[in-house]
C-alpha atoms as a PDB file:
ATOM      1  CA  UNK A   1      -0.174   0.528  -0.029  1.00  0.00           C
ATOM      2  CA  UNK A   2       1.705   3.495  -1.250  1.00  0.00           C
ATOM      3  CA  UNK A   3       2.077   6.513   1.590  1.00  0.00           C
ATOM      4  CA  UNK A   4      -0.496   9.366   0.434  1.00  0.00           C
ATOM      5  CA  UNK A   5       1.592  12.077  -0.521  1.00  0.00           C
ATOM      6  CA  UNK A   6       0.691  15.015   1.470  1.00  0.00           C
ATOM      7  CA  UNK A   7       1.984  12.236   4.233  1.00  0.00           C
ATOM      8  CA  UNK A   8       4.806  11.971   2.149  1.00  0.00           C
ATOM      9  CA  UNK A   9       5.845  15.019   2.636  1.00  0.00           C
ATOM     10  CA  UNK A  10       4.922  15.314   5.606  1.00  0.00           C
ATOM     11  CA  UNK A  11       7.017  13.291   7.176  1.00  0.00           C
ATOM     12  CA  UNK A  12      10.067  14.219   5.063  1.00  0.00           C
ATOM     13  CA  UNK A  13       9.635  17.611   5.950  1.00  0.00           C
ATOM     14  CA  UNK A  14       9.988  16.515   9.946  1.00  0.00           C
ATOM     15  CA  UNK A  15      13.198  14.134   9.036  1.00  0.00           C
ATOM     16  CA  UNK A  16      14.308  17.443   7.979  1.00  0.00           C
ATOM     17  CA  UNK A  17      13.184  19.769  10.915  1.00  0.00           C
ATOM     18  CA  UNK A  18      14.464  17.161  13.314  1.00  0.00           C
ATOM     19  CA  UNK A  19      17.689  16.584  11.306  1.00  0.00           C
ATOM     20  CA  UNK A  20      18.689  20.807  11.670  1.00  0.00           C
ATOM     21  CA  UNK A  21      17.480  20.600  15.358  1.00  0.00           C
ATOM     22  CA  UNK A  22      20.158  17.450  16.037  1.00  0.00           C
ATOM     23  CA  UNK A  23      22.481  19.019  14.454  1.00  0.00           C
ATOM     24  CA  UNK A  24      22.156  21.956  16.571  1.00  0.00           C
ATOM     25  CA  UNK A  25      22.206  20.312  19.652  1.00  0.00           C
ATOM     26  CA  UNK A  26      25.546  18.239  18.111  1.00  0.00           C
ATOM     27  CA  UNK A  27      27.552  21.303  17.289  1.00  0.00           C
ATOM     28  CA  UNK A  28      28.787  22.573  20.802  1.00  0.00           C
ATOM     29  CA  UNK A  29      29.846  18.459  21.321  1.00  0.00           C
ATOM     30  CA  UNK A  30      32.133  18.442  18.097  1.00  0.00           C
ATOM     31  CA  UNK A  31      33.383  21.698  18.410  1.00  0.00           C
ATOM     32  CA  UNK A  32      34.562  20.691  21.768  1.00  0.00           C
ATOM     33  CA  UNK A  33      36.408  17.680  20.050  1.00  0.00           C
ATOM     34  CA  UNK A  34      37.585  19.725  17.059  1.00  0.00           C
ATOM     35  CA  UNK A  35      39.303  22.323  19.470  1.00  0.00           C
ATOM     36  CA  UNK A  36      40.917  19.357  21.576  1.00  0.00           C
ATOM     37  CA  UNK A  37      42.926  18.965  19.035  1.00  0.00           C
ATOM     38  CA  UNK A  38      43.903  22.051  17.849  1.00  0.00           C
ATOM     39  CA  UNK A  39      46.846  24.463  17.789  1.00  0.00           C
ATOM     40  CA  UNK A  40      45.827  27.660  19.985  1.00  0.00           C
ATOM     41  CA  UNK A  41      46.206  29.480  16.823  1.00  0.00           C
ATOM     42  CA  UNK A  42      44.544  26.934  14.939  1.00  0.00           C
ATOM     43  CA  UNK A  43      41.076  27.814  17.643  1.00  0.00           C
ATOM     44  CA  UNK A  44      41.100  31.358  17.565  1.00  0.00           C
ATOM     45  CA  UNK A  45      41.125  31.249  13.249  1.00  0.00           C
ATOM     46  CA  UNK A  46      38.495  32.836  11.337  1.00  0.00           C
ATOM     47  CA  UNK A  47      36.204  31.932  10.617  1.00  0.00           C
ATOM     48  CA  UNK A  48      36.199  28.642  12.008  1.00  0.00           C
ATOM     49  CA  UNK A  49      37.987  25.518  10.736  1.00  0.00           C
ATOM     50  CA  UNK A  50      36.164  22.599  11.812  1.00  0.00           C
ATOM     51  CA  UNK A  51      38.539  19.987  11.566  1.00  0.00           C
ATOM     52  CA  UNK A  52      42.159  20.426  12.491  1.00  0.00           C
ATOM     53  CA  UNK A  53      44.942  20.724  10.565  1.00  0.00           C
ATOM     54  CA  UNK A  54      47.676  19.784  11.360  1.00  0.00           C
ATOM     55  CA  UNK A  55      45.973  17.563  14.665  1.00  0.00           C
ATOM     56  CA  UNK A  56      47.941  17.326  17.989  1.00  0.00           C
ATOM     57  CA  UNK A  57      47.944  16.033  21.255  1.00  0.00           C
ATOM     58  CA  UNK A  58      49.055  19.122  23.015  1.00  0.00           C
ATOM     59  CA  UNK A  59      46.312  19.826  24.603  1.00  0.00           C
ATOM     60  CA  UNK A  60      45.509  17.032  26.344  1.00  0.00           C
ATOM     61  CA  UNK A  61      49.720  16.831  27.129  1.00  0.00           C
ATOM     62  CA  UNK A  62      49.287  20.443  28.203  1.00  0.00           C
ATOM     63  CA  UNK A  63      46.592  19.628  30.572  1.00  0.00           C
ATOM     64  CA  UNK A  64      47.533  16.608  32.561  1.00  0.00           C
ATOM     65  CA  UNK A  65      50.895  18.854  33.110  1.00  0.00           C
ATOM     66  CA  UNK A  66      49.283  21.877  34.671  1.00  0.00           C
ATOM     67  CA  UNK A  67      46.584  19.929  36.929  1.00  0.00           C
ATOM     68  CA  UNK A  68      46.805  16.629  38.872  1.00  0.00           C
ATOM     69  CA  UNK A  69      43.348  15.476  36.771  1.00  0.00           C
ATOM     70  CA  UNK A  70      44.349  11.773  37.281  1.00  0.00           C
ATOM     71  CA  UNK A  71      43.691  13.079  40.945  1.00  0.00           C
ATOM     72  CA  UNK A  72      40.587  14.692  39.655  1.00  0.00           C
ATOM     73  CA  UNK A  73      39.058  11.713  37.997  1.00  0.00           C
ATOM     74  CA  UNK A  74      39.761   8.996  40.787  1.00  0.00           C
ATOM     75  CA  UNK A  75      37.908  11.138  42.894  1.00  0.00           C
ATOM     76  CA  UNK A  76      35.294  11.666  40.759  1.00  0.00           C
ATOM     77  CA  UNK A  77      35.219   8.035  39.834  1.00  0.00           C
ATOM     78  CA  UNK A  78      34.925   6.838  44.280  1.00  0.00           C
ATOM     79  CA  UNK A  79      32.256   9.476  44.897  1.00  0.00           C
ATOM     80  CA  UNK A  80      30.264   8.833  41.911  1.00  0.00           C
ATOM     81  CA  UNK A  81      30.807   4.983  42.461  1.00  0.00           C
ATOM     82  CA  UNK A  82      29.190   5.618  46.043  1.00  0.00           C
ATOM     83  CA  UNK A  83      26.458   7.862  45.737  1.00  0.00           C
ATOM     84  CA  UNK A  84      24.994   5.691  42.491  1.00  0.00           C
ATOM     85  CA  UNK A  85      25.431   2.885  45.371  1.00  0.00           C
ATOM     86  CA  UNK A  86      23.239   4.587  47.887  1.00  0.00           C
ATOM     87  CA  UNK A  87      21.283   5.386  45.999  1.00  0.00           C
ATOM     88  CA  UNK A  88      19.819   2.489  44.022  1.00  0.00           C
ATOM     89  CA  UNK A  89      20.642   0.611  48.008  1.00  0.00           C
ATOM     90  CA  UNK A  90      18.366   3.459  49.598  1.00  0.00           C
ATOM     91  CA  UNK A  91      15.205   4.600  46.904  1.00  0.00           C
ATOM     92  CA  UNK A  92      15.016   0.877  45.946  1.00  0.00           C
ATOM     93  CA  UNK A  93      13.834   0.021  49.732  1.00  0.00           C
ATOM     94  CA  UNK A  94      11.862   2.716  50.256  1.00  0.00           C
ATOM     95  CA  UNK A  95      10.174   2.356  47.198  1.00  0.00           C
ATOM     96  CA  UNK A  96       8.840  -0.241  47.842  1.00  0.00           C
ATOM     97  CA  UNK A  97       7.854   0.714  50.520  1.00  0.00           C
ATOM     98  CA  UNK A  98       5.634   3.024  49.687  1.00  0.00           C
ATOM     99  CA  UNK A  99       4.853   0.585  46.681  1.00  0.00           C
ATOM    100  CA  UNK A 100       3.478  -2.843  49.115  1.00  0.00           C
ATOM    101  CA  UNK A 101       3.856  -1.943  52.526  1.00  0.00           C
ATOM    102  CA  UNK A 102       0.785  -1.403  54.367  1.00  0.00           C
ATOM    103  CA  UNK A 103       1.133   1.469  57.169  1.00  0.00           C
ATOM    104  CA  UNK A 104      -1.211   4.333  58.354  1.00  0.00           C
ATOM    105  CA  UNK A 105      -0.777   8.016  56.885  1.00  0.00           C
ATOM    106  CA  UNK A 106       1.503   5.944  53.573  1.00  0.00           C
ATOM    107  CA  UNK A 107      -0.160   8.278  50.903  1.00  0.00           C
ATOM    108  CA  UNK A 108       0.826  11.545  53.447  1.00  0.00           C
ATOM    109  CA  UNK A 109       4.330  10.785  53.777  1.00  0.00           C
ATOM    110  CA  UNK A 110       4.467  10.451  50.192  1.00  0.00           C
ATOM    111  CA  UNK A 111       3.165  13.742  49.836  1.00  0.00           C
ATOM    112  CA  UNK A 112       5.861  15.048  52.152  1.00  0.00           C
ATOM    113  CA  UNK A 113       8.040  13.515  50.397  1.00  0.00           C
ATOM    114  CA  UNK A 114       7.144  14.893  46.384  1.00  0.00           C
ATOM    115  CA  UNK A 115       6.728  17.974  47.874  1.00  0.00           C
ATOM    116  CA  UNK A 116      10.636  18.026  49.199  1.00  0.00           C
ATOM    117  CA  UNK A 117      11.140  18.489  45.009  1.00  0.00           C
ATOM    118  CA  UNK A 118       9.946  21.564  45.105  1.00  0.00           C
ATOM    119  CA  UNK A 119      12.533  22.703  47.958  1.00  0.00           C
ATOM    120  CA  UNK A 120      15.957  24.489  45.819  1.00  0.00           C
ATOM    121  CA  UNK A 121      18.885  23.127  47.430  1.00  0.00           C
ATOM    122  CA  UNK A 122      20.228  26.928  48.963  1.00  0.00           C
ATOM    123  CA  UNK A 123      17.730  27.054  51.152  1.00  0.00           C
ATOM    124  CA  UNK A 124      19.246  24.165  53.007  1.00  0.00           C
ATOM    125  CA  UNK A 125      22.504  24.753  52.354  1.00  0.00           C
ATOM    126  CA  UNK A 126      24.037  26.903  55.620  1.00  0.00           C
ATOM    127  CA  UNK A 127      21.904  24.735  57.754  1.00  0.00           C
ATOM    128  CA  UNK A 128      23.429  21.969  56.373  1.00  0.00           C
ATOM    129  CA  UNK A 129      26.697  23.495  55.560  1.00  0.00           C
ATOM    130  CA  UNK A 130      26.703  24.062  59.777  1.00  0.00           C
ATOM    131  CA  UNK A 131      25.748  20.471  60.307  1.00  0.00           C
ATOM    132  CA  UNK A 132      28.519  19.039  58.609  1.00  0.00           C
ATOM    133  CA  UNK A 133      30.619  22.018  60.614  1.00  0.00           C
ATOM    134  CA  UNK A 134      29.847  20.651  63.254  1.00  0.00           C
ATOM    135  CA  UNK A 135      30.440  16.630  63.410  1.00  0.00           C
ATOM    136  CA  UNK A 136      33.904  17.238  61.199  1.00  0.00           C
ATOM    137  CA  UNK A 137      32.339  16.372  57.539  1.00  0.00           C
ATOM    138  CA  UNK A 138      33.620  19.981  56.278  1.00  0.00           C
ATOM    139  CA  UNK A 139      36.945  18.822  53.544  1.00  0.00           C
ATOM    140  CA  UNK A 140      36.048  15.098  53.553  1.00  0.00           C
ATOM    141  CA  UNK A 141      34.354  12.982  50.899  1.00  0.00           C
ATOM    142  CA  UNK A 142      31.314  12.203  53.559  1.00  0.00           C
ATOM    143  CA  UNK A 143      28.697  15.464  52.944  1.00  0.00           C
ATOM    144  CA  UNK A 144      28.427  13.629  49.296  1.00  0.00           C
ATOM    145  CA  UNK A 145      28.431  10.169  49.478  1.00  0.00           C
ATOM    146  CA  UNK A 146      26.184   9.769  53.343  1.00  0.00           C
ATOM    147  CA  UNK A 147      22.929  11.226  51.954  1.00  0.00           C
ATOM    148  CA  UNK A 148      22.602   9.164  49.231  1.00  0.00           C
ATOM    149  CA  UNK A 149      22.339   6.287  51.744  1.00  0.00           C
ATOM    150  CA  UNK A 150      19.378   7.663  53.684  1.00  0.00           C
ATOM    151  CA  UNK A 151      17.118   8.274  50.788  1.00  0.00           C
ATOM    152  CA  UNK A 152      18.293   8.049  47.578  1.00  0.00           C
ATOM    153  CA  UNK A 153      16.181  11.377  46.239  1.00  0.00           C
ATOM    154  CA  UNK A 154      12.412  11.878  45.690  1.00  0.00           C
ATOM    155  CA  UNK A 155      12.573  11.799  42.486  1.00  0.00           C
ATOM    156  CA  UNK A 156      14.279   8.299  42.202  1.00  0.00           C
ATOM    157  CA  UNK A 157      11.662   6.913  45.060  1.00  0.00           C
ATOM    158  CA  UNK A 158       8.632   8.210  42.802  1.00  0.00           C
ATOM    159  CA  UNK A 159      10.017   6.578  40.026  1.00  0.00           C
ATOM    160  CA  UNK A 160      10.930   2.641  41.326  1.00  0.00           C
ATOM    161  CA  UNK A 161       7.466   3.332  43.107  1.00  0.00           C
ATOM    162  CA  UNK A 162       5.933   3.420  39.861  1.00  0.00           C
ATOM    163  CA  UNK A 163       7.285   0.851  37.829  1.00  0.00           C
ATOM    164  CA  UNK A 164       7.076  -1.287  41.562  1.00  0.00           C
ATOM    165  CA  UNK A 165       2.852  -0.407  41.361  1.00  0.00           C
ATOM    166  CA  UNK A 166       3.421  -2.629  37.253  1.00  0.00           C
ATOM    167  CA  UNK A 167       4.308  -5.116  39.331  1.00  0.00           C
ATOM    168  CA  UNK A 168       1.142  -7.710  39.460  1.00  0.00           C
ATOM    169  CA  UNK A 169      -0.173  -8.016  42.915  1.00  0.00           C
ATOM    170  CA  UNK A 170      -0.625 -12.056  41.955  1.00  0.00           C
ATOM    171  CA  UNK A 171       3.347 -12.379  42.409  1.00  0.00           C
ATOM    172  CA  UNK A 172       3.138 -11.012  45.989  1.00  0.00           C
ATOM    173  CA  UNK A 173       0.324 -13.024  46.985  1.00  0.00           C
ATOM    174  CA  UNK A 174       1.725 -16.058  45.467  1.00  0.00           C
ATOM    175  CA  UNK A 175       5.494 -15.531  47.201  1.00  0.00           C
ATOM    176  CA  UNK A 176       3.029 -15.417  50.504  1.00  0.00           C
ATOM    177  CA  UNK A 177       1.550 -18.323  49.968  1.00  0.00           C
ATOM    178  CA  UNK A 178       5.186 -19.688  50.104  1.00  0.00           C
ATOM    179  CA  UNK A 179       6.852 -18.512  53.176  1.00  0.00           C
ATOM    180  CA  UNK A 180       8.161 -15.292  51.470  1.00  0.00           C
ATOM    181  CA  UNK A 181       8.934 -12.322  53.826  1.00  0.00           C
ATOM    182  CA  UNK A 182       9.302  -9.072  52.193  1.00  0.00           C
ATOM    183  CA  UNK A 183      12.385  -8.952  52.347  1.00  0.00           C
ATOM    184  CA  UNK A 184      12.825 -12.136  50.702  1.00  0.00           C
ATOM    185  CA  UNK A 185      10.134 -11.077  48.108  1.00  0.00           C
ATOM    186  CA  UNK A 186      11.913  -7.708  47.070  1.00  0.00           C
ATOM    187  CA  UNK A 187      15.177  -9.249  46.240  1.00  0.00           C
ATOM    188  CA  UNK A 188      14.274 -12.397  44.126  1.00  0.00           C
ATOM    189  CA  UNK A 189      10.890 -11.009  42.874  1.00  0.00           C
ATOM    190  CA  UNK A 190      10.977  -7.271  43.058  1.00  0.00           C
ATOM    191  CA  UNK A 191      14.054  -6.370  41.797  1.00  0.00           C
ATOM    192  CA  UNK A 192      14.840  -8.539  39.250  1.00  0.00           C
ATOM    193  CA  UNK A 193      11.355  -6.837  37.407  1.00  0.00           C
ATOM    194  CA  UNK A 194      12.832  -3.507  37.571  1.00  0.00           C
ATOM    195  CA  UNK A 195      15.841  -3.507  35.652  1.00  0.00           C
ATOM    196  CA  UNK A 196      15.225  -0.627  33.461  1.00  0.00           C
ATOM    197  CA  UNK A 197      13.565   1.507  36.190  1.00  0.00           C
ATOM    198  CA  UNK A 198      17.533   0.957  37.811  1.00  0.00           C
ATOM    199  CA  UNK A 199      19.543   1.257  35.024  1.00  0.00           C
ATOM    200  CA  UNK A 200      17.530   5.309  34.787  1.00  0.00           C
ATOM    201  CA  UNK A 201      18.426   5.429  37.544  1.00  0.00           C
ATOM    202  CA  UNK A 202      22.245   4.346  37.084  1.00  0.00           C
ATOM    203  CA  UNK A 203      22.118   6.346  34.520  1.00  0.00           C
ATOM    204  CA  UNK A 204      20.307   9.555  35.917  1.00  0.00           C
ATOM    205  CA  UNK A 205      22.673  10.020  39.396  1.00  0.00           C
ATOM    206  CA  UNK A 206      25.881   9.137  37.464  1.00  0.00           C
ATOM    207  CA  UNK A 207      24.812  12.346  34.931  1.00  0.00           C
ATOM    208  CA  UNK A 208      24.766  14.118  38.576  1.00  0.00           C
ATOM    209  CA  UNK A 209      27.133  12.902  40.712  1.00  0.00           C
ATOM    210  CA  UNK A 210      29.758  13.318  38.157  1.00  0.00           C
ATOM    211  CA  UNK A 211      28.756  16.801  36.630  1.00  0.00           C
ATOM    212  CA  UNK A 212      28.169  17.674  40.478  1.00  0.00           C
ATOM    213  CA  UNK A 213      30.140  21.192  40.899  1.00  0.00           C
ATOM    214  CA  UNK A 214      27.790  22.810  43.719  1.00  0.00           C
ATOM    215  CA  UNK A 215      28.745  19.863  45.948  1.00  0.00           C
ATOM    216  CA  UNK A 216      32.581  19.500  45.982  1.00  0.00           C
ATOM    217  CA  UNK A 217      33.138  23.106  45.370  1.00  0.00           C
ATOM    218  CA  UNK A 218      30.822  23.482  49.148  1.00  0.00           C
ATOM    219  CA  UNK A 219      32.343  21.109  50.974  1.00  0.00           C
ATOM    220  CA  UNK A 220      35.762  20.537  49.579  1.00  0.00           C
ATOM    221  CA  UNK A 221      38.957  22.573  50.924  1.00  0.00           C
ATOM    222  CA  UNK A 222      41.884  20.841  49.681  1.00  0.00           C
ATOM    223  CA  UNK A 223      42.390  20.686  46.279  1.00  0.00           C
ATOM    224  CA  UNK A 224      43.854  17.240  46.344  1.00  0.00           C
ATOM    225  CA  UNK A 225      40.253  16.717  46.875  1.00  0.00           C
ATOM    226  CA  UNK A 226      38.741  18.289  44.273  1.00  0.00           C
ATOM    227  CA  UNK A 227      36.593  16.466  41.748  1.00  0.00           C
ATOM    228  CA  UNK A 228      36.339  16.462  37.777  1.00  0.00           C
ATOM    229  CA  UNK A 229      33.900  19.558  37.178  1.00  0.00           C
ATOM    230  CA  UNK A 230      35.955  22.225  40.399  1.00  0.00           C
ATOM    231  CA  UNK A 231      39.226  20.553  38.937  1.00  0.00           C
ATOM    232  CA  UNK A 232      38.522  22.494  35.418  1.00  0.00           C
ATOM    233  CA  UNK A 233      38.817  26.001  37.371  1.00  0.00           C
ATOM    234  CA  UNK A 234      42.637  25.374  36.737  1.00  0.00           C
ATOM    235  CA  UNK A 235      42.921  25.812  33.144  1.00  0.00           C
ATOM    236  CA  UNK A 236      40.171  28.860  33.615  1.00  0.00           C
ATOM    237  CA  UNK A 237      42.173  30.067  36.320  1.00  0.00           C
ATOM    238  CA  UNK A 238      45.684  29.223  34.475  1.00  0.00           C
ATOM    239  CA  UNK A 239      45.081  29.608  30.303  1.00  0.00           C
ATOM    240  CA  UNK A 240      42.122  32.371  30.402  1.00  0.00           C
ATOM    241  CA  UNK A 241      40.928  33.044  27.349  1.00  0.00           C
ATOM    242  CA  UNK A 242      44.368  32.769  25.408  1.00  0.00           C
ATOM    243  CA  UNK A 243      44.784  29.539  25.053  1.00  0.00           C
ATOM    244  CA  UNK A 244      41.236  27.166  25.675  1.00  0.00           C
ATOM    245  CA  UNK A 245      42.869  24.074  24.289  1.00  0.00           C
ATOM    246  CA  UNK A 246      43.488  22.448  27.352  1.00  0.00           C
ATOM    247  CA  UNK A 247      40.804  23.132  29.043  1.00  0.00           C
ATOM    248  CA  UNK A 248      38.589  21.864  25.882  1.00  0.00           C
ATOM    249  CA  UNK A 249      40.618  18.640  26.191  1.00  0.00           C
ATOM    250  CA  UNK A 250      39.868  17.649  30.002  1.00  0.00           C
ATOM    251  CA  UNK A 251      36.182  18.396  29.209  1.00  0.00           C
ATOM    252  CA  UNK A 252      36.721  15.974  26.808  1.00  0.00           C
ATOM    253  CA  UNK A 253      37.168  13.470  28.432  1.00  0.00           C
ATOM    254  CA  UNK A 254      34.995  14.585  31.257  1.00  0.00           C
ATOM    255  CA  UNK A 255      32.389  14.015  29.460  1.00  0.00           C
ATOM    256  CA  UNK A 256      32.818  10.819  27.666  1.00  0.00           C
ATOM    257  CA  UNK A 257      32.019   8.621  30.255  1.00  0.00           C
ATOM    258  CA  UNK A 258      29.002  10.043  30.240  1.00  0.00           C
ATOM    259  CA  UNK A 259      28.312   9.528  26.757  1.00  0.00           C
ATOM    260  CA  UNK A 260      29.447   6.212  27.083  1.00  0.00           C
ATOM    261  CA  UNK A 261      27.252   5.325  29.601  1.00  0.00           C
ATOM    262  CA  UNK A 262      23.730   6.753  27.744  1.00  0.00           C
ATOM    263  CA  UNK A 263      24.586   4.742  24.788  1.00  0.00           C
ATOM    264  CA  UNK A 264      25.401   1.450  26.568  1.00  0.00           C
ATOM    265  CA  UNK A 265      22.373   2.027  28.708  1.00  0.00           C
ATOM    266  CA  UNK A 266      19.841   3.646  26.333  1.00  0.00           C
ATOM    267  CA  UNK A 267      17.985   0.837  25.204  1.00  0.00           C
ATOM    268  CA  UNK A 268      17.048   0.060  29.186  1.00  0.00           C
ATOM    269  CA  UNK A 269      16.362   3.794  28.981  1.00  0.00           C
ATOM    270  CA  UNK A 270      13.723   3.741  26.415  1.00  0.00           C
ATOM    271  CA  UNK A 271      12.086   1.025  27.790  1.00  0.00           C
ATOM    272  CA  UNK A 272      12.229   2.148  30.982  1.00  0.00           C
ATOM    273  CA  UNK A 273      10.172   5.651  29.870  1.00  0.00           C
ATOM    274  CA  UNK A 274       7.954   3.135  28.034  1.00  0.00           C
ATOM    275  CA  UNK A 275       7.117   0.531  31.091  1.00  0.00           C
ATOM    276  CA  UNK A 276       6.315   3.702  33.287  1.00  0.00           C
ATOM    277  CA  UNK A 277       3.318   4.867  31.548  1.00  0.00           C
ATOM    278  CA  UNK A 278       2.138   1.639  32.063  1.00  0.00           C
ATOM    279  CA  UNK A 279      -1.035   0.931  34.183  1.00  0.00           C
ATOM    280  CA  UNK A 280      -0.870  -1.119  37.074  1.00  0.00           C
END
C-alpha cells in the first residue's frame, strides 16, 4: 500500500526539521572534539575550521601537566560510584515500602516526600553546612556520599515506586503463600523485574554526581580532593581565554564517560520510559 503524497511530504519535512535541530544540539560537542586536537592558533582562526590541520595532542599534554587531572578523575570515580550505590540501595527500599507495605498515613508521607522536590537546595545549604561543620565532615567526601544512603532522592523514589506498582499483585500473593517474607520478595521478585528502572536511576544519578560542581565546591577545601568539575577551574584560571585547548581536552575526557554510559544504557532507558507509562 502506497503512502499518500501529503503524508510522505509531511514525514520528509518532519525528518528534515529534526535533523536540523539535532545538528544544533550536537554542534557544540563536535566543536569540543575539534578544539581538543587543535593548536591555539587554529582555535581562534576566523572563519572557524572544524577539522584540525594538523591534528595535535598538545592540549591533552598541557592539560595533564597543568593540574593533577588523574587525581581529580580518581576522586570523581570514587564519589560517583559510592553515591550511585547509596542511591540504588536506599531508593529501592523506600520505594518498595511506599508501594507494597501497609502503613497509616503512607500516602500523606509520600506526598510530603514529593513536596521536597520543590525546595531549592540553596534554601537548606546553610543549615546543612553548619551540621556537617559541627560533626567535622567539611573537607571530606562524607557530605557528598552519606546522604545518598539515607533516601536516595525523591525523584528516584517516585520513579521506582511507579515500577513497583506495575508488578502484578498476584506474584506477591503467591510468594506469601510460599512463605516468603517481604525482604525475600524484594530481592527475588521485585528487584529482578525493575531492571529498566534501575538502569534509569544509574544513568541519571551518574550524570548528577559526575557533573556535580556545587557540592564539591562547597564542602571540599583541599585541591587534592577536588573532583573533575571543580578541577576544571584550574584551566580557566591558568590559561584564561587565551588558550582554551587544555580546557577543551580535559572537558572532553570528563564528558566521555557520560556519553558512553548513555549509549550502553540507551535500550534500558527507552524501555524504562515506555514501561513507566503502563498501568498495573
